[in-house]
Amino acid sequence: MRLATPRGFCAGVDRAIQIVERALEKYGAPVFVRHEIVHNRHVVERLRHLGAVFVEELDECPADRPVVFSAHGVPKAVPAEARRRDLFFLDATCPLVSKVHVEAERHFSAGRQIVLIGHAGHPEVEGTMGQLPDGAVTLIETPQDAERFEPRDAANLAYVTQTTLSLDDTAEIIGVLKRRFPGLPDPHKEDICYATTNRQEAVKRIAADSDLVLVIGSPNSSNSVRLVEVARRAGAKVARLIDDAQAVDWAWFDGVSRVGITAGASAPEPLIEALLAAITSRFDAEVVEDSGARETVTFKLPRVLAEN
């Protein structure tokens, strides 16, 4: 049984969860959170148990309680509305998502038409598009969208991407755009975040010789879904997304001799440990940890929470 490294929590997810936890410690319950803080059912349920209240919009939040914005980022209209209502809010947007926001604004200020490569309806995409006026950003989801795209000025384009995409899928879309618009500049730094890249590279290493790859993550977690797709493309005979060990159908293991295990960036380590324990309790399995990238990135908490 091969265990991917890295796996599970990334720095942005860890920071976002800490922001909710520290807010609950400092201000008491309830603390309101606009949208799921990260896309993992177990994380959300644990924070709800501690006193977090998850809502869809600010109008569900009382004026006298803290509000946290999720790690995926929010449109500019959201903090503007919070200020108008004089709400106390904490922004848990991942700094790498914020980098994409800044980049999009820079392109807009330079008069460029912006292409956003991402998935419609994902909170991160809505947050990025919401940084700029309607019509300033064109969403492209597939190579076919890239083929059909007709810019206002082909010589004055720029692109940004959702941070949790498949590297291979994104490269294919960018390839189409660059073939059609050779002058299209690349971002100063890759938009797909280091954690997404590292987890995809790790699952590629274990997938090629795995009969079954299990990815722990919630169905609404973009980076977790991408890991399943990457595992299949990398040669895994079967790859499945599961919430936790309880979601395993043990019939999946019939005829299986080699299993790969990983987890999306919003899945906590105890879920991985529970899955390994469940497998080793049923089978004579040895756990071999992959020697992948060791992540040392950390992101600072908002100053108001870092202070004692």
Protein backbone atom coordinates (compact mmCIF):
# COMPACT_ATOMS: atom_id res chain seq x y z
CA MET A 1 0.00 0.00 0.00
CA ARG A 2 1.58 3.29 -1.12
CA LEU A 3 0.85 6.49 0.74
CA ALA A 4 1.29 9.70 -1.28
CA THR A 5 3.41 12.58 0.00
CA PRO A 6 2.36 15.33 0.23
CA ARG A 7 -1.33 14.77 0.96
CA GLY A 8 -4.07 16.40 3.00
CA PHE A 9 -4.06 19.91 4.44
CA CYS A 10 -2.22 22.69 2.63
CA ALA A 11 -1.12 25.96 4.24
CA GLY A 12 -4.13 27.92 2.95
CA VAL A 13 -6.61 25.41 4.34
CA ASP A 14 -4.78 25.20 7.66
CA ARG A 15 -4.81 29.00 7.96
CA ALA A 16 -8.53 29.26 7.15
CA ILE A 17 -9.50 26.66 9.74
CA GLN A 18 -7.27 28.32 12.35
CA ILE A 19 -9.00 31.64 11.67
CA VAL A 20 -12.40 30.15 12.54
CA GLU A 21 -11.02 28.32 15.58
CA ARG A 22 -9.19 31.40 16.93
CA ALA A 23 -12.25 33.59 16.32
CA LEU A 24 -14.37 31.16 18.35
CA GLU A 25 -11.78 31.18 21.15
CA LYS A 26 -11.45 34.97 21.17
CA TYR A 27 -15.04 36.10 20.56
CA GLY A 28 -17.06 33.08 21.62
CA ALA A 29 -19.82 31.34 19.71
CA PRO A 30 -21.45 31.85 17.37
CA VAL A 31 -19.02 32.92 14.66
CA PHE A 32 -20.65 33.14 11.24
CA VAL A 33 -18.87 31.80 8.16
CA ARG A 34 -19.92 32.77 4.65
CA HIS A 35 -19.93 29.52 2.66
CA GLU A 36 -18.04 26.42 3.76
CA ILE A 37 -14.68 27.57 5.12
CA VAL A 38 -13.06 24.78 3.07
CA HIS A 39 -14.67 22.04 1.02
CA ASN A 40 -14.64 19.16 3.46
CA ARG A 41 -17.69 17.80 5.25
CA HIS A 42 -15.77 16.61 8.32
CA VAL A 43 -14.05 19.96 8.82
CA VAL A 44 -17.33 21.85 8.48
CA GLU A 45 -19.16 19.54 10.89
CA ARG A 46 -16.41 19.83 13.51
CA LEU A 47 -16.40 23.63 13.33
CA ARG A 48 -20.19 23.68 13.46
CA HIS A 49 -19.98 21.62 16.65
CA LEU A 50 -17.58 24.22 18.09
CA GLY A 51 -20.04 27.04 17.36
CA ALA A 52 -19.51 28.12 13.76
CA VAL A 53 -22.65 28.94 11.80
CA PHE A 54 -22.34 28.49 8.04
CA VAL A 55 -24.43 30.77 5.85
CA GLU A 56 -24.66 31.53 2.16
CA GLU A 57 -24.97 35.32 2.26
CA LEU A 58 -24.21 38.22 4.59
CA ASP A 59 -27.87 39.07 5.10
CA GLU A 60 -28.07 35.91 7.24
CA CYS A 61 -25.46 37.34 9.64
CA PRO A 62 -26.38 39.46 12.67
CA ALA A 63 -24.59 42.77 13.06
CA ASP A 64 -23.06 41.93 16.44
CA ARG A 65 -21.16 38.74 15.60
CA PRO A 66 -17.90 38.11 13.68
CA VAL A 67 -18.09 36.92 10.09
CA VAL A 68 -15.39 34.87 8.34
CA PHE A 69 -15.00 34.75 4.55
CA SER A 70 -14.03 31.33 3.21
CA ALA A 71 -10.63 30.25 1.88
CA HIS A 72 -11.94 30.37 -1.69
CA GLY A 73 -12.23 34.16 -1.74
CA VAL A 74 -15.24 36.41 -2.25
CA PRO A 75 -16.34 39.04 -4.78
CA LYS A 76 -15.43 42.61 -3.86
CA ALA A 77 -19.09 43.35 -3.23
CA VAL A 78 -19.05 41.12 -0.14
CA PRO A 79 -16.52 43.01 2.03
CA ALA A 80 -18.03 46.25 0.71
CA GLU A 81 -21.42 45.17 2.00
CA ALA A 82 -19.87 44.06 5.30
CA ARG A 83 -18.33 47.51 5.75
CA ARG A 84 -21.62 49.18 4.85
CA ARG A 85 -23.33 47.18 7.59
CA ASP A 86 -20.43 47.81 9.97
CA LEU A 87 -19.82 44.07 10.41
CA PHE A 88 -16.63 42.79 11.97
CA PHE A 89 -15.20 40.39 9.41
CA LEU A 90 -12.14 38.21 9.01
CA ASP A 91 -10.92 37.29 5.56
CA ALA A 92 -9.69 33.69 5.35
CA THR A 93 -9.04 33.86 1.59
CA CYS A 94 -5.98 31.78 0.73
CA PRO A 95 -3.09 34.16 -0.04
CA LEU A 96 -2.48 32.28 -3.30
CA VAL A 97 -6.06 33.01 -4.37
CA SER A 98 -5.57 36.64 -3.37
CA LYS A 99 -2.50 36.67 -5.65
CA VAL A 100 -4.75 35.74 -8.59
CA HIS A 101 -7.16 38.54 -7.62
CA VAL A 102 -4.32 41.07 -7.63
CA GLU A 103 -3.08 39.78 -10.95
CA ALA A 104 -6.54 40.10 -12.54
CA GLU A 105 -6.88 43.65 -11.25
CA ARG A 106 -3.44 44.53 -12.63
CA HIS A 107 -4.43 43.27 -16.09
CA PHE A 108 -7.73 45.16 -15.91
CA SER A 109 -5.95 48.38 -14.94
CA ALA A 110 -3.70 47.91 -17.98
CA GLY A 111 -6.76 47.69 -20.21
CA ARG A 112 -6.46 43.99 -21.04
CA GLN A 113 -9.34 41.59 -21.59
CA ILE A 114 -8.98 38.78 -19.06
CA VAL A 115 -9.57 35.07 -19.58
CA LEU A 116 -10.15 33.00 -16.44
CA ILE A 117 -9.56 29.27 -16.80
CA GLY A 118 -11.74 27.53 -14.24
CA HIS A 119 -15.01 25.82 -13.39
CA ALA A 120 -18.30 27.72 -13.48
CA GLY A 121 -20.04 27.97 -10.12
CA HIS A 122 -16.98 27.26 -8.01
CA PRO A 123 -16.68 29.83 -5.18
CA GLU A 124 -13.10 30.66 -6.15
CA VAL A 125 -14.14 31.44 -9.72
CA GLU A 126 -17.04 33.57 -8.51
CA GLY A 127 -14.68 35.41 -6.18
CA THR A 128 -12.11 36.07 -8.89
CA MET A 129 -14.67 37.23 -11.44
CA GLY A 130 -16.25 39.36 -8.74
CA GLN A 131 -13.08 41.42 -8.31
CA LEU A 132 -13.87 43.28 -11.54
CA PRO A 133 -16.90 44.77 -13.30
CA ASP A 134 -19.29 42.48 -15.16
CA GLY A 135 -17.91 41.51 -18.55
CA ALA A 136 -14.27 42.19 -17.70
CA VAL A 137 -13.51 38.48 -17.26
CA THR A 138 -14.39 35.67 -19.67
CA LEU A 139 -14.59 32.18 -18.16
CA ILE A 140 -13.13 29.31 -20.18
CA GLU A 141 -13.70 25.77 -18.91
CA THR A 142 -12.60 23.51 -21.78
CA PRO A 143 -10.36 23.42 -24.86
CA GLN A 144 -13.55 23.73 -26.90
CA ASP A 145 -14.38 26.98 -25.10
CA ALA A 146 -10.86 28.18 -25.94
CA GLU A 147 -11.40 27.35 -29.62
CA ARG A 148 -14.68 29.29 -29.70
CA PHE A 149 -13.48 32.31 -27.74
CA GLU A 150 -13.50 35.55 -29.74
CA PRO A 151 -11.73 38.41 -27.94
CA ARG A 152 -12.39 42.08 -28.47
CA ASP A 153 -8.70 42.63 -29.21
CA ALA A 154 -6.51 39.56 -29.75
CA ALA A 155 -3.37 41.62 -29.13
CA ASN A 156 -4.54 42.77 -25.71
CA LEU A 157 -5.31 39.61 -23.76
CA ALA A 158 -4.20 38.06 -20.46
CA TYR A 159 -5.18 34.93 -18.56
CA VAL A 160 -5.40 33.76 -14.96
CA THR A 161 -6.48 30.37 -13.61
CA GLN A 162 -8.34 28.83 -10.73
CA THR A 163 -5.73 27.58 -8.26
CA THR A 164 -7.06 24.00 -7.89
CA LEU A 165 -7.18 22.82 -11.51
CA SER A 166 -5.59 19.81 -13.17
CA LEU A 167 -2.19 20.83 -14.48
CA ASP A 168 -2.66 18.74 -17.61
CA ASP A 169 -6.16 20.04 -18.38
CA THR A 170 -5.03 23.62 -17.87
CA ALA A 171 -1.98 23.13 -20.08
CA GLU A 172 -4.23 21.85 -22.87
CA ILE A 173 -6.49 24.93 -22.65
CA ILE A 174 -3.51 27.29 -22.51
CA GLY A 175 -2.04 25.49 -25.51
CA VAL A 176 -5.16 26.23 -27.54
CA LEU A 177 -5.16 29.88 -26.49
CA LYS A 178 -1.47 30.34 -27.29
CA ARG A 179 -1.87 28.68 -30.68
CA ARG A 180 -4.69 31.07 -31.50
CA PHE A 181 -3.15 34.12 -29.79
CA PRO A 182 0.66 33.73 -29.89
CA GLY A 183 1.29 36.94 -27.97
CA LEU A 184 -0.70 35.82 -24.91
CA PRO A 185 1.56 36.45 -21.89
CA ASP A 186 2.02 33.97 -19.04
CA PRO A 187 1.40 35.01 -15.43
CA HIS A 188 4.49 36.20 -13.55
CA LYS A 189 4.14 33.07 -11.44
CA GLU A 190 2.06 29.92 -11.96
CA ASP A 191 -1.52 30.42 -10.73
CA ILE A 192 -2.19 26.77 -9.92
CA CYS A 193 -0.96 26.61 -6.36
CA TYR A 194 2.10 24.70 -5.20
CA ALA A 195 -0.05 22.40 -3.03
CA THR A 196 -2.29 21.39 -5.94
CA THR A 197 0.78 20.78 -8.10
CA ASN A 198 2.57 18.75 -5.41
CA ARG A 199 -0.45 16.54 -4.69
CA GLN A 200 -1.04 15.86 -8.36
CA GLU A 201 2.61 14.94 -8.92
CA ALA A 202 2.49 12.68 -5.85
CA VAL A 203 -0.60 10.81 -7.01
CA LYS A 204 0.98 10.32 -10.44
CA ARG A 205 3.92 8.57 -8.78
CA ILE A 206 1.75 6.07 -6.92
CA ALA A 207 -0.98 5.60 -9.55
CA ALA A 208 0.98 3.93 -12.34
CA ASP A 209 1.47 0.67 -10.42
CA SER A 210 -1.74 0.77 -8.34
CA ASP A 211 -4.74 -1.50 -8.91
CA LEU A 212 -6.83 0.88 -6.80
CA VAL A 213 -6.26 4.49 -5.73
CA LEU A 214 -8.42 5.97 -2.96
CA VAL A 215 -8.58 9.76 -2.66
CA ILE A 216 -10.03 11.13 0.57
CA GLY A 217 -11.99 14.31 -0.04
CA SER A 218 -15.49 15.71 -0.41
CA PRO A 219 -17.27 15.70 -3.78
CA ASN A 220 -17.39 19.53 -3.86
CA SER A 221 -13.61 19.78 -3.36
CA SER A 222 -12.18 20.72 -6.75
CA ASN A 223 -8.62 19.69 -5.95
CA SER A 224 -9.79 16.30 -4.61
CA VAL A 225 -11.85 15.55 -7.72
CA ARG A 226 -8.85 16.50 -9.86
CA LEU A 227 -6.67 13.99 -7.95
CA VAL A 228 -9.02 11.17 -8.97
CA GLU A 229 -8.84 12.29 -12.59
CA VAL A 230 -5.05 12.57 -12.48
CA ALA A 231 -4.72 9.10 -10.91
CA ARG A 232 -6.80 7.53 -13.68
CA ARG A 233 -4.79 9.25 -16.40
CA ALA A 234 -1.53 8.23 -14.74
CA GLY A 235 -2.40 4.54 -15.00
CA ALA A 236 -4.41 3.56 -11.93
CA LYS A 237 -6.74 0.73 -12.88
CA VAL A 238 -9.42 2.21 -10.61
CA ALA A 239 -9.48 5.52 -8.71
CA ARG A 240 -12.26 6.55 -6.33
CA LEU A 241 -13.13 9.60 -4.24
CA ILE A 242 -14.30 8.81 -0.71
CA ASP A 243 -15.35 11.01 2.21
CA ASP A 244 -13.80 8.68 4.78
CA ALA A 245 -13.11 5.03 5.63
CA GLN A 246 -16.82 4.40 6.22
CA ALA A 247 -17.46 5.12 2.53
CA VAL A 248 -15.26 2.22 1.37
CA ASP A 249 -16.98 -0.70 -0.32
CA TRP A 250 -14.66 -3.57 0.55
CA ALA A 251 -15.71 -5.38 -2.62
CA TRP A 252 -13.49 -2.82 -4.40
CA PHE A 253 -10.51 -4.75 -3.00
CA ASP A 254 -11.38 -8.03 -4.71
CA GLY A 255 -8.40 -8.99 -6.87
CA VAL A 256 -6.45 -5.93 -5.74
CA SER A 257 -2.83 -6.36 -4.67
CA ARG A 258 -1.55 -2.77 -4.83
CA VAL A 259 -3.40 0.20 -3.32
CA GLY A 260 -2.50 3.89 -3.43
CA ILE A 261 -3.80 6.36 -0.83
CA THR A 262 -3.90 10.16 -0.93
CA ALA A 263 -6.09 13.03 0.22
CA GLY A 264 -7.18 16.39 -1.10
CA ALA A 265 -5.85 19.63 0.36
CA SER A 266 -8.89 20.13 2.60
CA ALA A 267 -8.93 16.60 4.10
CA PRO A 268 -7.60 16.26 7.67
CA GLU A 269 -4.89 13.73 8.51
CA PRO A 270 -7.05 11.71 10.98
CA LEU A 271 -9.24 10.64 8.05
CA ILE A 272 -6.15 9.24 6.30
CA GLU A 273 -5.02 7.47 9.48
CA ALA A 274 -8.48 5.93 9.92
CA LEU A 275 -8.48 4.65 6.35
CA LEU A 276 -5.03 3.08 6.75
CA ALA A 277 -6.16 1.44 10.01
CA ALA A 278 -9.31 0.09 8.36
CA ILE A 279 -7.32 -1.44 5.48
CA THR A 280 -4.58 -2.95 7.64
CA SER A 281 -7.18 -4.44 10.01
CA ARG A 282 -8.68 -6.41 7.10
CA PHE A 283 -5.65 -7.21 4.98
CA ASP A 284 -2.01 -8.11 5.44
CA ALA A 285 -0.87 -4.75 4.09
CA GLU A 286 2.39 -2.88 4.50
CA VAL A 287 2.27 0.94 4.29
CA VAL A 288 5.07 2.47 2.22
CA GLU A 289 5.17 6.27 2.26
CA ASP A 290 6.15 8.00 -0.97
CA SER A 291 9.19 10.27 -0.80
CA GLY A 292 7.56 13.35 -2.27
CA ALA A 293 7.95 17.07 -1.68
CA ARG A 294 8.02 18.21 1.94
CA GLU A 295 5.99 21.38 2.31
CA THR A 296 7.16 24.01 4.79
CA VAL A 297 4.96 26.93 3.67
CA THR A 298 2.92 28.71 6.35
CA PHE A 299 0.67 31.75 6.07
CA LYS A 300 0.23 34.35 8.79
CA LEU A 301 -3.08 34.79 10.58
CA PRO A 302 -4.84 38.15 10.57
CA ARG A 303 -3.14 40.42 13.08
CA VAL A 304 -6.22 40.75 15.26
CA LEU A 305 -6.16 36.97 15.86
CA ALA A 306 -2.39 36.67 16.19
CA GLU A 307 -2.42 39.14 19.08
CA ASN A 308 -2.93 37.78 22.60
